[in-house]
């Protein structure tokens, strides 16, 4: 070929041949869109060789290539085509195998009988990324399934506790009511007091259930204000002091930092009072419950309640905030692992179960007033509420964008409520 014009003509003919073959290949691929990936890759390889052959045919027809050279070119193209098709088949088979591995992993996604990543042959980068994402999704599903199982178990346990705790005071009320009706009660005034205790206990459990359902529904509305931590602790100590004294223990504020934070005073006081009352109920006579406050990391205020009422089993530390969970073994005062009767803290103060919540109060002062009005009395054998108090504390902390933790310290344990200095909700 001589001159730019010849090169231009050959380029245009080659382009035309390539476009023609490409259009045919595109139509074939569309018709074969549900066919095997191997066949589709072979079509692409054949189309590439076909474009080359088409260009050579046109070049030979225009006398740019001799017949002898054209035959050699065709032979070379045929050999190259066979090799290309073979390589296309190898590539297609490899991709199909990789896809089968990924399909198998996707099929096993969420299968509780399969744990961890499924072993398989090495994958290409894209398939490997997809396989890793599937493995990560499977891990998330497994964790979610475990959480769901724990939640369902806790729900069943809660229903069982609630049923038992409702049945007990109702049976007592019925028995005492029948005794009064039949005129066989030797001390009617005492029976009336005990009946009021049982009513308080029932009301407390209903209030706790309402509060917990509000928290779980995400419907807890906070009235945040700038509040003093010192005032919060002082109010708790003053209001819960008489209740603690009736149980032979003391509530004191110690190491309280002079801090302020944005929070709902009513709900935060309820959470702290729940923790303090839990310690009051479980502490031996003469024990001291310490409420403290300090500046934590990342602009958090840490409000703590520490007691000497015995520790919590290490295996139980992760469950104390589950609704309905109240421990697996009773503990003697200051001796051995304690049973966390995680009822609302105010309940033990007034008849073994009375509580304040969004439906019926909620501040430490109201709870303490009710306890004093009841004369610090407890129904015989009262075991606390339905195991909701610590779950409510956790919900209130979460509503403030905070958290609550528990750990064993010395002869007791310490609950820490982390509340951000300022949060938006």
Protein backbone atom coordinates (compact mmCIF):
# COMPACT_ATOMS: atom_id res chain seq x y z
CA UNK A 1 0.00 0.00 0.00
CA UNK A 2 1.21 3.40 -0.93
CA UNK A 3 -0.03 6.67 0.49
CA UNK A 4 -2.27 7.78 3.23
CA UNK A 5 -5.39 7.25 1.11
CA UNK A 6 -4.79 3.50 0.93
CA UNK A 7 -4.31 3.26 4.67
CA UNK A 8 -7.47 5.25 5.21
CA UNK A 9 -9.45 2.96 2.90
CA UNK A 10 -8.16 -0.18 4.62
CA UNK A 11 -8.94 1.27 8.04
CA UNK A 12 -12.49 2.11 7.00
CA UNK A 13 -13.05 -1.36 5.53
CA UNK A 14 -11.66 -2.98 8.67
CA UNK A 15 -13.89 -0.79 10.81
CA UNK A 16 -16.92 -1.65 8.70
CA UNK A 17 -16.17 -5.37 8.93
CA UNK A 18 -15.68 -5.13 12.68
CA UNK A 19 -18.94 -3.20 13.12
CA UNK A 20 -20.84 -5.69 11.02
CA UNK A 21 -19.49 -8.67 12.93
CA UNK A 22 -20.00 -6.83 16.21
CA UNK A 23 -23.66 -6.13 15.45
CA UNK A 24 -24.24 -9.77 14.57
CA UNK A 25 -22.46 -10.86 17.75
CA UNK A 26 -24.55 -8.44 19.83
CA UNK A 27 -27.76 -9.88 18.36
CA UNK A 28 -26.56 -13.41 19.03
CA UNK A 29 -25.60 -12.51 22.61
CA UNK A 30 -29.02 -11.00 23.20
CA UNK A 31 -30.69 -14.14 21.93
CA UNK A 32 -28.37 -16.18 24.15
CA UNK A 33 -28.73 -14.00 27.25
CA UNK A 34 -30.05 -16.97 29.22
CA UNK A 35 -27.42 -19.34 27.86
CA UNK A 36 -24.31 -20.48 29.65
CA UNK A 37 -21.63 -17.92 30.40
CA UNK A 38 -19.13 -20.17 28.59
CA UNK A 39 -21.06 -19.94 25.32
CA UNK A 40 -21.36 -16.18 25.58
CA UNK A 41 -17.60 -15.79 26.09
CA UNK A 42 -16.97 -18.11 23.10
CA UNK A 43 -19.24 -15.89 20.96
CA UNK A 44 -17.16 -12.85 21.95
CA UNK A 45 -13.92 -14.66 21.06
CA UNK A 46 -15.30 -15.83 17.71
CA UNK A 47 -16.54 -12.30 16.99
CA UNK A 48 -13.05 -10.91 17.59
CA UNK A 49 -11.47 -13.40 15.17
CA UNK A 50 -14.35 -12.89 12.73
CA UNK A 51 -13.71 -9.14 12.66
CA UNK A 52 -10.08 -9.82 11.73
CA UNK A 53 -11.03 -12.32 9.02
CA UNK A 54 -13.65 -9.94 7.62
CA UNK A 55 -11.09 -7.20 7.30
CA UNK A 56 -8.64 -9.54 5.54
CA UNK A 57 -11.32 -10.71 3.10
CA UNK A 58 -12.07 -7.14 2.11
CA UNK A 59 -8.38 -6.33 1.82
CA UNK A 60 -7.82 -9.35 -0.43
CA UNK A 61 -10.84 -8.46 -2.54
CA UNK A 62 -9.42 -4.97 -3.07
CA UNK A 63 -6.11 -6.48 -4.17
CA UNK A 64 -4.21 -5.14 -1.18
CA UNK A 65 -3.18 -8.70 -0.27
CA UNK A 66 -2.03 -11.42 -2.66
CA UNK A 67 -3.87 -14.71 -2.84
CA UNK A 68 -0.89 -16.58 -1.37
CA UNK A 69 -0.61 -14.15 1.52
CA UNK A 70 -4.36 -14.28 2.01
CA UNK A 71 -4.26 -18.05 2.42
CA UNK A 72 -1.50 -17.75 5.00
CA UNK A 73 -3.45 -15.07 6.85
CA UNK A 74 -6.57 -17.24 6.91
CA UNK A 75 -4.59 -20.18 8.26
CA UNK A 76 -3.07 -18.01 10.97
CA UNK A 77 -6.51 -16.60 11.80
CA UNK A 78 -7.96 -20.11 12.06
CA UNK A 79 -5.23 -21.20 14.46
CA UNK A 80 -5.60 -18.01 16.48
CA UNK A 81 -9.36 -18.49 16.51
CA UNK A 82 -9.07 -22.03 17.86
CA UNK A 83 -6.69 -20.88 20.57
CA UNK A 84 -8.98 -17.95 21.41
CA UNK A 85 -12.01 -20.22 21.64
CA UNK A 86 -10.08 -22.63 23.87
CA UNK A 87 -8.98 -19.80 26.15
CA UNK A 88 -12.54 -18.47 26.17
CA UNK A 89 -13.82 -21.87 27.23
CA UNK A 90 -11.22 -22.07 30.00
CA UNK A 91 -12.11 -18.57 31.20
CA UNK A 92 -15.83 -19.30 30.99
CA UNK A 93 -15.51 -22.54 32.92
CA UNK A 94 -13.47 -20.76 35.60
CA UNK A 95 -16.07 -18.02 35.91
CA UNK A 96 -18.88 -20.57 36.06
CA UNK A 97 -17.09 -22.47 38.83
CA UNK A 98 -16.53 -19.23 40.72
CA UNK A 99 -20.18 -18.37 40.32
CA UNK A 100 -21.17 -21.80 41.62
CA UNK A 101 -19.06 -21.20 44.72
CA UNK A 102 -20.75 -17.84 45.29
CA UNK A 103 -24.18 -19.35 44.60
CA UNK A 104 -23.48 -22.08 47.13
CA UNK A 105 -22.49 -19.48 49.71
CA UNK A 106 -25.58 -17.43 48.94
CA UNK A 107 -27.72 -20.57 49.28
CA UNK A 108 -26.21 -21.23 52.70
CA UNK A 109 -26.75 -17.63 53.79
CA UNK A 110 -28.56 -17.61 57.10
CA UNK A 111 -28.46 -21.40 57.43
CA UNK A 112 -28.05 -22.08 61.17
CA UNK A 113 -26.54 -25.48 60.37
CA UNK A 114 -23.56 -23.80 58.67
CA UNK A 115 -21.23 -21.64 60.74
CA UNK A 116 -18.45 -19.46 59.40
CA UNK A 117 -17.31 -19.04 55.81
CA UNK A 118 -17.77 -21.96 53.44
CA UNK A 119 -14.48 -23.35 52.15
CA UNK A 120 -13.97 -23.27 48.39
CA UNK A 121 -11.52 -22.83 45.56
CA UNK A 122 -9.65 -19.52 45.13
CA UNK A 123 -11.85 -16.91 43.49
CA UNK A 124 -11.16 -14.02 41.17
CA UNK A 125 -11.03 -10.64 42.85
CA UNK A 126 -14.61 -9.61 42.08
CA UNK A 127 -16.07 -12.96 43.10
CA UNK A 128 -13.86 -12.98 46.21
CA UNK A 129 -15.21 -9.56 47.21
CA UNK A 130 -18.77 -10.80 46.68
CA UNK A 131 -18.04 -13.95 48.70
CA UNK A 132 -16.61 -11.88 51.55
CA UNK A 133 -19.69 -9.67 51.57
CA UNK A 134 -21.89 -12.76 51.68
CA UNK A 135 -19.84 -14.14 54.56
CA UNK A 136 -20.16 -10.82 56.40
CA UNK A 137 -23.92 -10.80 55.77
CA UNK A 138 -24.13 -14.35 57.05
CA UNK A 139 -22.30 -13.33 60.21
CA UNK A 140 -24.67 -10.40 60.71
CA UNK A 141 -27.65 -12.69 60.17
CA UNK A 142 -26.25 -15.16 62.69
CA UNK A 143 -25.82 -12.43 65.29
CA UNK A 144 -29.30 -11.11 64.55
CA UNK A 145 -30.73 -14.61 64.86
CA UNK A 146 -28.98 -15.09 68.20
CA UNK A 147 -30.30 -11.74 69.43
CA UNK A 148 -33.78 -12.69 68.30
CA UNK A 149 -33.53 -16.03 70.10
CA UNK A 150 -32.34 -14.31 73.27
CA UNK A 151 -35.10 -11.73 72.98
CA UNK A 152 -37.73 -14.42 72.48
CA UNK A 153 -36.39 -16.40 75.43
CA UNK A 154 -36.41 -13.24 77.55
CA UNK A 155 -39.97 -12.50 76.41
CA UNK A 156 -41.16 -15.96 77.41
CA UNK A 157 -39.33 -15.66 80.72
CA UNK A 158 -40.86 -12.23 81.27
CA UNK A 159 -44.36 -13.52 80.55
CA UNK A 160 -43.80 -16.37 83.00
CA UNK A 161 -42.53 -13.98 85.71
CA UNK A 162 -45.36 -11.51 85.10
CA UNK A 163 -47.96 -14.28 85.22
CA UNK A 164 -46.53 -15.55 88.49
CA UNK A 165 -46.13 -12.11 90.03
CA UNK A 166 -49.66 -11.07 89.07
CA UNK A 167 -51.16 -14.31 90.29
CA UNK A 168 -49.53 -14.09 93.72
CA UNK A 169 -50.91 -10.69 94.85
CA UNK A 170 -54.28 -11.40 93.20
CA UNK A 171 -54.56 -14.64 95.13
CA UNK A 172 -53.62 -12.81 98.31
CA UNK A 173 -56.17 -10.09 97.65
CA UNK A 174 -58.87 -12.67 97.04
CA UNK A 175 -58.04 -14.59 100.20
CA UNK A 176 -57.95 -11.46 102.36
CA UNK A 177 -61.13 -10.11 100.76
CA UNK A 178 -62.96 -13.37 101.46
CA UNK A 179 -61.67 -13.36 105.04
CA UNK A 180 -62.97 -9.82 105.55
CA UNK A 181 -66.28 -10.67 103.89
CA UNK A 182 -66.74 -13.76 106.06
CA UNK A 183 -65.77 -11.82 109.19
CA UNK A 184 -62.97 -14.24 110.11
CA UNK A 185 -60.13 -11.69 109.90
CA UNK A 186 -58.67 -11.28 113.36
CA UNK A 187 -57.11 -7.88 112.51
CA UNK A 188 -59.10 -6.12 109.74
CA UNK A 189 -56.85 -3.04 109.83
CA UNK A 190 -53.79 -5.20 109.13
CA UNK A 191 -55.63 -6.94 106.30
CA UNK A 192 -56.48 -3.57 104.79
CA UNK A 193 -52.82 -2.52 104.93
CA UNK A 194 -51.72 -5.76 103.29
CA UNK A 195 -54.34 -5.36 100.57
CA UNK A 196 -53.05 -1.85 99.87
CA UNK A 197 -49.54 -3.29 99.64
CA UNK A 198 -50.68 -5.80 97.06
CA UNK A 199 -52.51 -3.12 95.08
CA UNK A 200 -49.34 -1.00 95.10
CA UNK A 201 -47.38 -3.99 93.88
CA UNK A 202 -49.81 -4.67 91.04
CA UNK A 203 -49.88 -0.98 90.09
CA UNK A 204 -46.10 -0.89 90.07
CA UNK A 205 -45.84 -3.84 87.71
CA UNK A 206 -48.41 -2.32 85.36
CA UNK A 207 -46.53 1.00 85.41
CA UNK A 208 -43.25 -0.79 84.69
CA UNK A 209 -44.78 -2.67 81.77
CA UNK A 210 -46.16 0.56 80.34
CA UNK A 211 -42.81 2.31 80.72
CA UNK A 212 -40.89 -0.58 79.16
CA UNK A 213 -43.31 -0.86 76.23
CA UNK A 214 -42.96 2.89 75.67
CA UNK A 215 -39.16 2.55 75.59
CA UNK A 216 -39.20 -0.46 73.26
CA UNK A 217 -41.59 1.33 70.91
CA UNK A 218 -39.21 4.28 70.72
CA UNK A 219 -41.99 6.52 72.05
CA UNK A 220 -40.20 7.77 75.15
CA UNK A 221 -40.17 11.56 74.89
CA UNK A 222 -37.51 13.39 76.85
CA UNK A 223 -37.92 16.89 78.25
CA UNK A 224 -34.25 17.82 78.29
CA UNK A 225 -33.04 20.63 80.47
CA UNK A 226 -29.71 21.90 81.70
CA UNK A 227 -29.37 20.21 85.07
CA UNK A 228 -26.82 20.06 87.85
CA UNK A 229 -25.36 16.67 88.66
CA UNK A 230 -24.74 17.74 92.26
CA UNK A 231 -28.40 18.68 92.70
CA UNK A 232 -29.49 15.38 91.14
CA UNK A 233 -27.40 13.35 93.58
CA UNK A 234 -28.38 15.50 96.57
CA UNK A 235 -32.07 15.07 95.74
CA UNK A 236 -31.66 11.31 95.38
CA UNK A 237 -29.87 11.02 98.71
CA UNK A 238 -32.44 13.18 100.50
CA UNK A 239 -35.48 11.49 99.00
CA UNK A 240 -34.28 7.90 99.25
CA UNK A 241 -32.65 8.29 102.66
CA UNK A 242 -35.79 7.48 104.71
CA UNK A 243 -36.53 4.47 102.51
CA UNK A 244 -32.99 3.21 102.95
CA UNK A 245 -33.18 3.78 106.71
CA UNK A 246 -36.30 1.63 106.92
CA UNK A 247 -34.22 -1.18 105.43
CA UNK A 248 -31.31 -0.57 107.81
CA UNK A 249 -28.97 0.81 105.15
CA UNK A 250 -27.68 4.26 104.19
CA UNK A 251 -27.57 6.12 100.87
CA UNK A 252 -24.76 8.68 100.57
CA UNK A 253 -23.36 10.91 97.85
CA UNK A 254 -19.59 10.80 97.49
CA UNK A 255 -17.06 12.11 94.97
CA UNK A 256 -19.74 14.01 93.09
CA UNK A 257 -18.18 16.30 90.48
CA UNK A 258 -19.73 19.72 89.97
CA UNK A 259 -20.98 19.12 86.41
CA UNK A 260 -23.94 20.06 84.27
CA UNK A 261 -25.54 18.16 81.42
CA UNK A 262 -28.51 18.25 79.08
CA UNK A 263 -30.95 15.56 80.20
CA UNK A 264 -34.49 14.85 81.31
CA UNK A 265 -34.31 15.31 85.11
CA UNK A 266 -37.40 13.18 85.72
CA UNK A 267 -36.29 10.17 83.68
CA UNK A 268 -32.66 10.35 84.77
CA UNK A 269 -33.73 10.53 88.42
CA UNK A 270 -35.96 7.53 87.84
CA UNK A 271 -33.09 5.52 86.37
CA UNK A 272 -30.71 6.37 89.20
CA UNK A 273 -33.38 5.71 91.83
CA UNK A 274 -34.11 2.31 90.26
CA UNK A 275 -30.44 1.41 90.64
CA UNK A 276 -30.26 2.73 94.19
CA UNK A 277 -33.43 0.93 95.26
CA UNK A 278 -32.15 -2.30 93.75
CA UNK A 279 -29.08 -1.96 95.99
CA UNK A 280 -31.17 -0.96 99.01
CA UNK A 281 -33.35 -4.01 98.65
CA UNK A 282 -30.42 -6.41 98.32
CA UNK A 283 -27.94 -4.89 100.78
CA UNK A 284 -27.47 -6.30 104.29
CA UNK A 285 -28.35 -4.23 107.32
CA UNK A 286 -25.71 -1.59 108.03
CA UNK A 287 -24.52 -1.44 104.43
CA UNK A 288 -23.85 1.79 102.54
CA UNK A 289 -24.95 2.60 98.99
CA UNK A 290 -22.74 5.23 97.38
CA UNK A 291 -23.93 7.49 94.56
CA UNK A 292 -21.13 9.31 92.74
CA UNK A 293 -20.57 11.29 89.55
CA UNK A 294 -17.50 12.05 87.47
CA UNK A 295 -16.51 13.34 84.06
CA UNK A 296 -15.94 10.47 81.65
CA UNK A 297 -14.27 10.24 78.28
CA UNK A 298 -15.71 11.73 75.07
CA UNK A 299 -17.85 14.35 76.84
CA UNK A 300 -19.78 11.85 78.95
CA UNK A 301 -20.86 12.19 82.56
CA UNK A 302 -20.67 8.94 84.53
CA UNK A 303 -23.28 8.52 87.27
CA UNK A 304 -22.51 5.53 89.51
CA UNK A 305 -24.29 3.51 92.17
CA UNK A 306 -22.06 1.16 94.18
CA UNK A 307 -23.01 -1.22 96.96
CA UNK A 308 -21.60 -4.02 99.09
CA UNK A 309 -24.48 -6.41 98.48
CA UNK A 310 -22.41 -9.19 96.94
CA UNK A 311 -21.23 -9.61 93.38
CA UNK A 312 -22.96 -10.93 90.28
CA UNK A 313 -21.83 -14.09 88.57
CA UNK A 314 -19.56 -13.30 85.64
CA UNK A 315 -21.80 -15.39 83.38
CA UNK A 316 -24.79 -13.28 84.41
CA UNK A 317 -23.27 -9.82 83.95
CA UNK A 318 -24.35 -9.70 80.32
CA UNK A 319 -27.98 -10.52 81.16
CA UNK A 320 -28.82 -8.23 84.05
CA UNK A 321 -30.41 -5.64 81.76
CA UNK A 322 -32.69 -8.12 79.99
CA UNK A 323 -36.37 -7.55 80.67
CA UNK A 324 -37.71 -10.21 83.00
CA UNK A 325 -34.32 -11.56 84.07
CA UNK A 326 -33.87 -11.64 87.84
CA UNK A 327 -30.87 -13.85 88.39
CA UNK A 328 -30.36 -17.54 88.82
CA UNK A 329 -29.66 -17.89 92.52
CA UNK A 330 -30.56 -16.06 95.70
CA UNK A 331 -27.71 -14.54 97.61
CA UNK A 332 -27.24 -13.97 101.27
CA UNK A 333 -26.39 -10.46 102.31
CA UNK A 334 -22.77 -9.84 101.43
CA UNK A 335 -22.12 -13.54 100.83
CA UNK A 336 -21.60 -15.00 97.38
CA UNK A 337 -23.03 -14.04 94.01
CA UNK A 338 -26.14 -12.04 94.29
CA UNK A 339 -29.46 -12.43 92.63
CA UNK A 340 -30.29 -9.24 90.82
CA UNK A 341 -34.00 -8.79 91.40
CA UNK A 342 -34.21 -6.30 88.58
CA UNK A 343 -37.57 -4.88 89.41
CA UNK A 344 -38.23 -1.21 89.40
CA UNK A 345 -36.30 0.26 92.26
CA UNK A 346 -39.28 1.96 93.81
CA UNK A 347 -41.21 -1.25 94.14
CA UNK A 348 -39.39 -2.65 97.10
CA UNK A 349 -39.95 0.52 98.97
CA UNK A 350 -43.69 0.35 98.88
CA UNK A 351 -45.16 -3.02 99.28
CA UNK A 352 -42.65 -4.95 97.23
CA UNK A 353 -43.55 -3.69 93.83
CA UNK A 354 -44.90 -0.19 93.63
CA UNK A 355 -43.15 1.88 91.06
CA UNK A 356 -43.41 5.22 89.35
CA UNK A 357 -43.18 5.50 85.62
CA UNK A 358 -44.32 7.69 82.84
CA UNK A 359 -47.83 6.63 83.64
CA UNK A 360 -47.79 7.27 87.31
CA UNK A 361 -45.07 9.61 88.35
CA UNK A 362 -41.48 8.75 87.76
CA UNK A 363 -39.40 11.00 89.98
CA UNK A 364 -37.42 9.80 92.95
CA UNK A 365 -39.36 12.18 95.16
CA UNK A 366 -42.74 10.72 94.26
CA UNK A 367 -41.44 7.22 94.85
CA UNK A 368 -39.95 8.14 98.20
CA UNK A 369 -43.18 9.86 99.24
CA UNK A 370 -45.16 6.75 98.43
CA UNK A 371 -42.69 4.64 100.35
CA UNK A 372 -42.94 6.88 103.41
CA UNK A 373 -46.72 6.95 103.14
CA UNK A 374 -46.63 3.16 103.28
CA UNK A 375 -44.55 3.41 106.44
CA UNK A 376 -41.71 1.55 104.81
CA UNK A 377 -43.76 -1.65 105.10
CA UNK A 378 -43.19 -4.71 102.94
CA UNK A 379 -45.61 -7.52 102.32
CA UNK A 380 -44.34 -10.75 103.78
CA UNK A 381 -42.32 -12.68 101.25
CA UNK A 382 -42.30 -9.88 98.71
CA UNK A 383 -39.73 -10.60 96.03
CA UNK A 384 -39.69 -7.35 94.13
CA UNK A 385 -41.33 -6.63 90.82
CA UNK A 386 -41.32 -8.41 87.50
CA UNK A 387 -37.69 -7.92 86.54
CA UNK A 388 -38.17 -4.73 84.54
CA UNK A 389 -36.31 -2.06 86.52
CA UNK A 390 -32.84 -2.54 85.05
CA UNK A 391 -34.27 -2.90 81.54
CA UNK A 392 -35.98 0.45 82.09
CA UNK A 393 -32.69 1.96 83.27
CA UNK A 394 -31.01 0.75 80.09
CA UNK A 395 -33.83 2.17 77.97
CA UNK A 396 -33.64 5.57 79.66
CA UNK A 397 -29.86 5.66 79.19
CA UNK A 398 -30.22 4.73 75.51
CA UNK A 399 -32.87 7.43 75.05
CA UNK A 400 -30.24 9.93 76.24
CA UNK A 401 -27.76 8.49 73.68
CA UNK A 402 -25.91 6.91 76.58
CA UNK A 403 -25.45 3.46 78.07
CA UNK A 404 -25.35 1.62 81.38
CA UNK A 405 -22.80 -0.95 82.53
CA UNK A 406 -22.28 -3.13 85.59
CA UNK A 407 -19.17 -4.62 87.13
CA UNK A 408 -18.22 -6.40 90.33
CA UNK A 409 -16.23 -4.33 92.81
CA UNK A 410 -14.97 -5.41 96.22
CA UNK A 411 -17.89 -6.98 98.10
CA UNK A 412 -20.58 -5.71 95.76
CA UNK A 413 -21.09 -4.27 92.33
CA UNK A 414 -21.24 -0.89 90.64
CA UNK A 415 -23.66 0.34 88.01
CA UNK A 416 -22.39 3.15 85.78
CA UNK A 417 -24.78 5.27 83.72
CA UNK A 418 -22.99 7.13 80.92
CA UNK A 419 -24.87 10.24 79.78
CA UNK A 420 -23.49 12.63 77.15
CA UNK A 421 -23.06 16.20 78.31
CA UNK A 422 -25.20 17.29 75.37
CA UNK A 423 -27.12 15.17 72.89
CA UNK A 424 -29.80 15.67 70.27
CA UNK A 425 -32.83 13.40 70.04
